Protein backbone atom coordinates (compact mmCIF):
# COMPACT_ATOMS: atom_id res chain seq x y z
CA MET A 1 -0.22 -0.03 0.12
CA ASN A 2 1.45 3.38 -0.78
CA THR A 3 1.37 6.43 1.25
CA TYR A 4 -1.39 8.50 -0.72
CA SER A 5 -3.83 5.18 -0.04
CA LEU A 6 -3.09 5.22 3.55
CA ILE A 7 -3.32 8.92 3.84
CA ALA A 8 -6.88 8.38 1.71
CA ILE A 9 -8.04 5.77 4.08
CA LEU A 10 -7.38 7.32 7.19
CA THR A 11 -8.78 11.09 5.86
CA ILE A 12 -12.01 8.79 4.87
CA GLY A 13 -12.27 7.32 8.31
CA VAL A 14 -11.64 10.87 9.92
CA ALA A 15 -14.10 12.94 7.62
CA SER A 16 -16.77 10.29 7.77
CA ASN A 17 -17.05 10.87 11.78
CA LEU A 18 -16.27 14.23 12.07
CA ASP A 19 -20.34 14.48 12.98
CA ASN A 20 -19.38 12.24 16.03
CA ALA A 21 -17.28 14.87 17.60
CA GLY A 22 -20.01 17.18 17.42
CA VAL A 23 -22.65 14.84 18.71
CA GLY A 24 -20.37 13.55 21.36
CA ILE A 25 -19.48 17.17 22.96
CA ALA A 26 -23.26 17.64 22.86
CA TYR A 27 -23.99 14.35 25.15
CA GLY A 28 -21.02 15.66 27.50
CA VAL A 29 -22.79 18.99 27.94
CA ARG A 30 -26.04 17.49 28.26
CA LYS A 31 -24.77 14.75 30.89
CA ILE A 32 -25.93 12.08 28.46
CA ARG A 33 -24.03 8.71 29.07
CA ILE A 34 -23.00 6.48 25.90
CA PRO A 35 -22.21 3.11 27.18
CA TRP A 36 -19.30 1.41 25.61
CA TYR A 37 -21.84 -1.01 24.14
CA SER A 38 -23.57 1.62 22.71
CA ASN A 39 -20.77 3.22 21.33
CA LEU A 40 -19.32 0.00 19.96
CA THR A 41 -22.93 -0.65 18.31
CA ILE A 42 -22.54 2.64 16.43
CA ALA A 43 -18.87 1.86 15.34
CA VAL A 44 -20.09 -1.45 13.99
CA ILE A 45 -22.91 0.20 12.05
CA SER A 46 -20.56 2.78 10.45
CA PHE A 47 -17.85 -0.50 9.78
CA LEU A 48 -21.01 -2.09 7.97
CA ALA A 49 -22.31 0.39 6.14
CA THR A 50 -18.73 1.73 4.52
CA LEU A 51 -18.14 -2.43 4.03
CA LEU A 52 -21.14 -2.72 2.12
CA SER A 53 -21.15 0.51 -0.19
CA GLY A 54 -17.21 -0.07 -0.74
CA LEU A 55 -17.81 -3.82 -1.92
CA PHE A 56 -20.85 -2.37 -4.02
CA GLY A 57 -18.39 0.07 -5.67
CA ASN A 58 -16.01 -2.91 -6.03
CA LEU A 59 -18.76 -4.58 -7.91
CA ILE A 60 -19.24 -1.79 -10.29
CA SER A 61 -15.74 -0.91 -10.67
CA LEU A 62 -15.57 -4.37 -12.50
CA TRP A 63 -18.11 -3.13 -15.25
CA ILE A 64 -16.90 -0.02 -16.15
CA GLU A 65 -13.41 1.46 -16.98
CA PRO A 66 -11.13 2.55 -14.37
CA TRP A 67 -11.30 6.38 -15.22
CA ILE A 68 -15.21 6.08 -15.25
CA GLY A 69 -14.80 4.39 -11.91
CA GLN A 70 -12.65 7.44 -10.80
CA ALA A 71 -15.06 9.88 -12.37
CA ILE A 72 -18.37 8.16 -10.32
CA GLY A 73 -16.28 8.15 -6.96
CA THR A 74 -15.10 11.53 -6.92
CA THR A 75 -18.56 12.94 -8.14
CA VAL A 76 -20.23 11.09 -5.50
CA ILE A 77 -18.06 11.98 -2.55
CA VAL A 78 -17.85 16.01 -3.74
CA ALA A 79 -21.97 15.59 -3.96
CA VAL A 80 -21.91 14.24 -0.40
CA GLY A 81 -19.31 16.73 0.96
CA ILE A 82 -21.55 19.70 -0.71
CA TRP A 83 -24.46 18.29 0.88
CA VAL A 84 -23.01 17.88 4.21
CA LEU A 85 -21.83 21.69 4.02
CA LEU A 86 -25.27 22.41 3.33
CA GLN A 87 -27.01 20.47 6.00
CA PRO A 88 -26.53 23.47 8.95
CA PHE A 89 -27.90 26.13 6.84
CA ARG A 90 -30.98 23.69 5.64
CA GLU A 91 -31.57 23.08 9.28
CA LYS A 92 -31.59 26.83 10.30
CA ASN A 93 -33.73 27.63 7.68
CA ALA A 94 -36.39 24.85 8.31
CA ALA A 95 -39.77 26.03 9.87
CA ALA A 96 -41.08 24.11 12.56
CA PRO A 97 -39.08 20.47 11.69
CA ALA A 98 -41.30 17.54 12.71
CA SER A 99 -39.36 15.13 15.25
CA PRO A 100 -37.27 12.13 14.04
CA ALA A 101 -39.92 9.83 15.39
CA GLN A 102 -42.39 11.65 13.06
CA SER A 103 -40.39 12.58 9.75
CA GLY A 104 -38.26 9.20 9.61
CA ASN A 105 -35.09 11.62 8.86
CA PHE A 106 -32.47 10.24 10.69
CA THR A 107 -29.90 13.25 10.01
CA ARG A 108 -32.32 15.22 12.38
CA TYR A 109 -30.40 13.37 15.14
CA LEU A 110 -27.40 15.31 13.87
CA SER A 111 -28.58 18.65 14.71
CA ASN A 112 -30.49 18.05 17.86
CA PRO A 113 -28.77 15.10 19.43
CA GLU A 114 -30.51 14.95 22.75
CA GLU A 115 -33.62 13.71 20.57
CA ALA A 116 -31.71 10.25 20.17
CA ASP A 117 -32.11 9.58 23.66
CA ARG A 118 -35.88 9.32 23.35
CA ASP A 119 -36.67 7.86 26.63
CA SER A 120 -35.04 10.66 28.57
CA SER A 121 -32.77 8.45 31.05
CA LYS A 122 -29.48 10.40 30.08
CA SER A 123 -28.12 7.14 28.62
CA ILE A 124 -28.20 6.10 24.88
CA SER A 125 -29.79 2.72 25.28
CA LEU A 126 -28.88 -0.23 22.38
CA THR A 127 -31.93 0.83 20.53
CA GLU A 128 -31.22 4.35 20.59
CA ALA A 129 -27.47 3.44 19.46
CA VAL A 130 -28.97 1.91 16.25
CA LEU A 131 -30.96 4.73 15.19
CA LEU A 132 -28.32 7.22 16.02
CA GLY A 133 -25.72 4.74 14.21
CA ILE A 134 -27.82 4.93 11.12
CA ALA A 135 -27.66 8.81 11.38
CA LEU A 136 -23.85 9.09 12.00
CA ALA A 137 -23.32 6.44 9.14
CA MET A 138 -24.85 8.31 6.39
CA ASN A 139 -21.20 10.10 5.42
CA ALA A 140 -19.65 6.30 5.59
CA LEU A 141 -21.64 5.21 2.84
CA ALA A 142 -20.26 7.85 0.36
CA GLY A 143 -16.43 7.06 1.69
CA GLY A 144 -17.26 3.62 1.21
CA PHE A 145 -18.83 3.59 -2.25
CA ASN A 146 -15.58 5.95 -2.99
CA ALA A 147 -13.06 3.51 -1.91
CA GLY A 148 -14.55 0.81 -3.83
CA VAL A 149 -14.75 2.31 -7.30
CA THR A 150 -11.44 3.75 -6.75
CA HIS A 151 -9.75 0.45 -5.63
CA LEU A 152 -8.41 1.40 -2.08
CA ASN A 153 -8.67 -1.05 0.27
CA VAL A 154 -12.38 -1.62 1.25
CA TRP A 155 -11.43 -3.56 4.39
CA LEU A 156 -9.14 -1.32 5.72
CA THR A 157 -11.24 1.78 4.92
CA SER A 158 -14.41 0.18 6.56
CA LEU A 159 -12.02 -0.53 9.75
CA SER A 160 -10.50 2.96 9.68
CA VAL A 161 -14.33 4.41 9.72
CA GLY A 162 -15.15 2.18 12.44
CA ILE A 163 -12.16 2.71 14.58
CA PHE A 164 -12.34 6.63 14.34
CA SER A 165 -16.30 6.33 14.98
CA PHE A 166 -15.57 4.63 18.31
CA ILE A 167 -12.65 6.79 19.61
CA LEU A 168 -14.33 10.23 18.16
CA LEU A 169 -17.46 9.71 19.91
CA ALA A 170 -15.80 8.59 22.99
CA LEU A 171 -13.16 11.21 23.35
CA CYS A 172 -15.51 14.16 22.27
CA SER A 173 -18.23 13.29 24.88
CA LEU A 174 -15.60 13.41 27.60
CA PHE A 175 -14.51 16.62 26.15
CA GLY A 176 -17.97 18.00 25.97
CA GLU A 177 -18.32 21.14 27.83
CA ARG A 178 -20.34 24.12 26.62
CA TYR A 179 -17.93 26.51 25.00
CA ALA A 180 -16.26 23.49 22.84
CA ALA A 181 -19.83 22.33 21.68
CA GLU A 182 -21.03 26.11 20.72
CA LYS A 183 -17.73 26.51 18.76
CA LEU A 184 -17.57 22.95 17.02
CA GLY A 185 -21.20 22.28 16.47
CA ASP A 186 -21.91 23.23 12.93
CA ARG A 187 -17.94 23.47 12.19
CA ALA A 188 -17.59 19.80 12.77
CA THR A 189 -20.27 19.41 9.84
CA ILE A 190 -18.39 21.91 7.80
CA ILE A 191 -15.10 20.66 8.05
CA SER A 192 -16.42 17.10 7.20
CA GLY A 193 -17.90 18.17 4.37
CA VAL A 194 -14.50 20.13 3.26
CA LEU A 195 -12.31 17.02 3.65
CA LEU A 196 -14.56 15.03 1.38
CA ILE A 197 -14.53 17.57 -1.18
CA LEU A 198 -10.75 17.74 -1.02
CA ILE A 199 -10.69 13.87 -1.39
CA GLY A 200 -12.56 13.79 -4.35
CA LEU A 201 -10.87 16.67 -5.86
CA HIS A 202 -7.50 15.49 -5.41
CA GLN A 203 -8.42 12.12 -6.89
CA ILE A 204 -8.85 13.96 -10.59
CA VAL A 205 -5.57 15.98 -10.17
């Protein structure tokens, strides 16, 4: 494995999980616990989402020319990066948004993490971890697909995403204090989007 591939794998792992940092800090501020088994569940979901989308990308790459796979991978990851960048602005402009349970929009958990604690127990249960994990795995789908069609090691990419998911959520929940939460909030989403776009653009240079 060359240096670029390793950097790309690690960057996808970080970029796919920067929302975890914002969510973790928000939970720390609100004194909402994330037990290790719930954190592990979220990490496994991110791992599986990356792996499945990566294997799908691998499958597609068998039937198309390498440059087409490169173009598709770049387009998908840049598009998701732009979507991630626009997410905070869309949420601010949304009028009277429905709750996640009503709308079925898992991304609502990213802007209002406390809503994932549906029973108000101040602890994320396994069931709640599954819902939160699905929301946090959205970015991982793009990273995995990109890895698959551009022939990065899908297993290592998935492992990178899963490990960074667990680490960032755990560390940032411990670090969660009000100043940091207010400052990181949308910035975590913006940084995540920018990193995804940069990965895509670097692939066409």
